[in-house]
Amino acid sequence: MNNKSKTIMNIKVLVGNLISWLIGFAILAIGAVNIFWGNDPGFGAFLLLLALIYFPPVTAILKSRFGFSIRLGVKILLALFIVWAALGVGELFDKIDMMMKDLKHLI
């Protein structure tokens, strides 16, 4: 492999890790909102656990300790399902409004 292809591979890995971190934090935030301002803290806790699979260090631990990692396609489908469940069924925007009202009273 030449230097140009190594650089391209490094950029792809960097972008993939960045996207994975962002999705993981977004799902963590959705889970926290559901725990503290939702009517289903169990769903929120479940989302917190699912968010862990998006963080690159957790992926590395799964790969080293158990010999497998969750495929990209599965992660994409799971993220789409989580967003659909949070926005549609979970009424995320209503919960965010409740959160903002509560936080406004604290300030």
C-alpha atoms as a PDB file:
ATOM      1  CA  MET A   1       0.000   0.000   0.000  1.00  0.00           C
ATOM      2  CA  ASN A   2       1.306   3.431  -0.831  1.00  0.00           C
ATOM      3  CA  ASN A   3       1.118   6.541   1.341  1.00  0.00           C
ATOM      4  CA  LYS A   4      -1.899   7.965  -0.505  1.00  0.00           C
ATOM      5  CA  SER A   5      -4.041   4.871   0.070  1.00  0.00           C
ATOM      6  CA  LYS A   6      -2.933   4.714   3.720  1.00  0.00           C
ATOM      7  CA  THR A   7      -3.967   8.348   4.158  1.00  0.00           C
ATOM      8  CA  ILE A   8      -7.345   7.682   2.555  1.00  0.00           C
ATOM      9  CA  MET A   9      -7.892   4.676   4.831  1.00  0.00           C
ATOM     10  CA  ASN A  10      -6.931   6.727   7.893  1.00  0.00           C
ATOM     11  CA  ILE A  11      -9.387   9.457   6.882  1.00  0.00           C
ATOM     12  CA  LYS A  12     -12.165   6.892   6.394  1.00  0.00           C
ATOM     13  CA  VAL A  13     -11.498   5.398   9.818  1.00  0.00           C
ATOM     14  CA  LEU A  14     -11.399   8.861  11.409  1.00  0.00           C
ATOM     15  CA  VAL A  15     -14.680   9.920   9.794  1.00  0.00           C
ATOM     16  CA  GLY A  16     -16.302   6.604  10.710  1.00  0.00           C
ATOM     17  CA  ASN A  17     -15.208   6.960  14.330  1.00  0.00           C
ATOM     18  CA  LEU A  18     -16.455  10.544  14.468  1.00  0.00           C
ATOM     19  CA  ILE A  19     -19.865   9.560  13.110  1.00  0.00           C
ATOM     20  CA  SER A  20     -20.001   6.640  15.521  1.00  0.00           C
ATOM     21  CA  TRP A  21     -19.224   8.905  18.505  1.00  0.00           C
ATOM     22  CA  LEU A  22     -21.894  11.416  17.398  1.00  0.00           C
ATOM     23  CA  ILE A  23     -24.565   8.750  16.999  1.00  0.00           C
ATOM     24  CA  GLY A  24     -23.606   7.245  20.356  1.00  0.00           C
ATOM     25  CA  PHE A  25     -23.915  10.583  22.143  1.00  0.00           C
ATOM     26  CA  ALA A  26     -27.216  11.332  20.386  1.00  0.00           C
ATOM     27  CA  ILE A  27     -28.666   8.021  21.545  1.00  0.00           C
ATOM     28  CA  LEU A  28     -27.310   8.644  25.045  1.00  0.00           C
ATOM     29  CA  ALA A  29     -29.092  12.000  25.073  1.00  0.00           C
ATOM     30  CA  ILE A  30     -32.348  10.437  23.868  1.00  0.00           C
ATOM     31  CA  GLY A  31     -32.030   7.811  26.601  1.00  0.00           C
ATOM     32  CA  ALA A  32     -31.387  10.433  29.289  1.00  0.00           C
ATOM     33  CA  VAL A  33     -34.406  12.456  28.195  1.00  0.00           C
ATOM     34  CA  ASN A  34     -36.558   9.328  28.342  1.00  0.00           C
ATOM     35  CA  ILE A  35     -35.270   8.404  31.789  1.00  0.00           C
ATOM     36  CA  PHE A  36     -35.754  11.767  33.469  1.00  0.00           C
ATOM     37  CA  TRP A  37     -38.606  13.412  31.559  1.00  0.00           C
ATOM     38  CA  GLY A  38     -40.414  10.543  29.965  1.00  0.00           C
ATOM     39  CA  ASN A  39     -43.021   8.140  31.099  1.00  0.00           C
ATOM     40  CA  ASP A  40     -40.827   5.151  30.297  1.00  0.00           C
ATOM     41  CA  PRO A  41     -37.511   5.123  32.188  1.00  0.00           C
ATOM     42  CA  GLY A  42     -36.998   1.472  31.219  1.00  0.00           C
ATOM     43  CA  PHE A  43     -36.901   2.452  27.542  1.00  0.00           C
ATOM     44  CA  GLY A  44     -34.432   5.211  28.390  1.00  0.00           C
ATOM     45  CA  ALA A  45     -32.150   2.814  30.253  1.00  0.00           C
ATOM     46  CA  PHE A  46     -32.349   0.393  27.329  1.00  0.00           C
ATOM     47  CA  LEU A  47     -31.287   3.194  24.984  1.00  0.00           C
ATOM     48  CA  LEU A  48     -28.361   4.040  27.251  1.00  0.00           C
ATOM     49  CA  LEU A  49     -27.167   0.454  26.963  1.00  0.00           C
ATOM     50  CA  LEU A  50     -27.689   0.368  23.197  1.00  0.00           C
ATOM     51  CA  ALA A  51     -25.733   3.593  22.793  1.00  0.00           C
ATOM     52  CA  LEU A  52     -22.631   1.826  24.052  1.00  0.00           C
ATOM     53  CA  ILE A  53     -22.292  -0.221  20.859  1.00  0.00           C
ATOM     54  CA  TYR A  54     -21.632   2.965  18.873  1.00  0.00           C
ATOM     55  CA  PHE A  55     -18.558   4.027  20.845  1.00  0.00           C
ATOM     56  CA  PRO A  56     -15.288   2.857  19.237  1.00  0.00           C
ATOM     57  CA  PRO A  57     -13.649   1.795  22.548  1.00  0.00           C
ATOM     58  CA  VAL A  58     -16.588  -0.508  23.297  1.00  0.00           C
ATOM     59  CA  THR A  59     -16.350  -1.942  19.787  1.00  0.00           C
ATOM     60  CA  ALA A  60     -12.636  -2.590  20.360  1.00  0.00           C
ATOM     61  CA  ILE A  61     -13.364  -4.300  23.689  1.00  0.00           C
ATOM     62  CA  LEU A  62     -16.011  -6.525  22.089  1.00  0.00           C
ATOM     63  CA  LYS A  63     -13.574  -7.451  19.328  1.00  0.00           C
ATOM     64  CA  SER A  64     -10.670  -8.226  21.667  1.00  0.00           C
ATOM     65  CA  ARG A  65     -12.543 -10.008  24.473  1.00  0.00           C
ATOM     66  CA  PHE A  66     -15.253 -11.855  22.569  1.00  0.00           C
ATOM     67  CA  GLY A  67     -13.860 -12.005  19.043  1.00  0.00           C
ATOM     68  CA  PHE A  68     -16.734 -10.256  17.298  1.00  0.00           C
ATOM     69  CA  SER A  69     -18.008  -6.794  16.605  1.00  0.00           C
ATOM     70  CA  ILE A  70     -21.395  -5.551  15.530  1.00  0.00           C
ATOM     71  CA  ARG A  71     -21.535  -4.969  11.790  1.00  0.00           C
ATOM     72  CA  LEU A  72     -22.024  -1.525  10.316  1.00  0.00           C
ATOM     73  CA  GLY A  73     -25.315  -2.464   8.644  1.00  0.00           C
ATOM     74  CA  VAL A  74     -26.771  -3.639  11.951  1.00  0.00           C
ATOM     75  CA  LYS A  75     -25.655  -0.413  13.642  1.00  0.00           C
ATOM     76  CA  ILE A  76     -27.271   1.692  10.908  1.00  0.00           C
ATOM     77  CA  LEU A  77     -30.560  -0.225  11.070  1.00  0.00           C
ATOM     78  CA  LEU A  78     -30.554  -0.029  14.867  1.00  0.00           C
ATOM     79  CA  ALA A  79     -29.905   3.727  14.815  1.00  0.00           C
ATOM     80  CA  LEU A  80     -32.773   4.246  12.351  1.00  0.00           C
ATOM     81  CA  PHE A  81     -35.079   2.150  14.512  1.00  0.00           C
ATOM     82  CA  ILE A  82     -34.088   4.069  17.658  1.00  0.00           C
ATOM     83  CA  VAL A  83     -34.698   7.427  15.982  1.00  0.00           C
ATOM     84  CA  TRP A  84     -38.043   6.204  14.624  1.00  0.00           C
ATOM     85  CA  ALA A  85     -39.096   4.885  18.039  1.00  0.00           C
ATOM     86  CA  ALA A  86     -37.961   8.011  19.888  1.00  0.00           C
ATOM     87  CA  LEU A  87     -39.561  10.483  17.493  1.00  0.00           C
ATOM     88  CA  GLY A  88     -42.719   8.592  16.620  1.00  0.00           C
ATOM     89  CA  VAL A  89     -43.757   6.409  19.492  1.00  0.00           C
ATOM     90  CA  GLY A  90     -41.615   8.001  22.198  1.00  0.00           C
ATOM     91  CA  GLU A  91     -42.820  11.599  21.612  1.00  0.00           C
ATOM     92  CA  LEU A  92     -39.277  12.913  21.990  1.00  0.00           C
ATOM     93  CA  PHE A  93     -40.139  16.530  21.143  1.00  0.00           C
ATOM     94  CA  ASP A  94     -42.789  16.685  23.880  1.00  0.00           C
ATOM     95  CA  LYS A  95     -40.265  15.325  26.375  1.00  0.00           C
ATOM     96  CA  ILE A  96     -37.676  17.870  25.268  1.00  0.00           C
ATOM     97  CA  ASP A  97     -40.254  20.634  25.821  1.00  0.00           C
ATOM     98  CA  MET A  98     -40.847  19.332  29.356  1.00  0.00           C
ATOM     99  CA  MET A  99     -37.098  19.231  29.944  1.00  0.00           C
ATOM    100  CA  MET A 100     -36.633  22.810  28.728  1.00  0.00           C
ATOM    101  CA  LYS A 101     -39.458  24.044  30.991  1.00  0.00           C
ATOM    102  CA  ASP A 102     -37.913  22.295  33.986  1.00  0.00           C
ATOM    103  CA  LEU A 103     -34.466  23.664  33.206  1.00  0.00           C
ATOM    104  CA  LYS A 104     -35.852  27.170  32.696  1.00  0.00           C
ATOM    105  CA  HIS A 105     -37.213  27.109  36.259  1.00  0.00           C
ATOM    106  CA  LEU A 106     -33.759  26.242  37.600  1.00  0.00           C
ATOM    107  CA  ILE A 107     -32.129  29.295  36.016  1.00  0.00           C
END
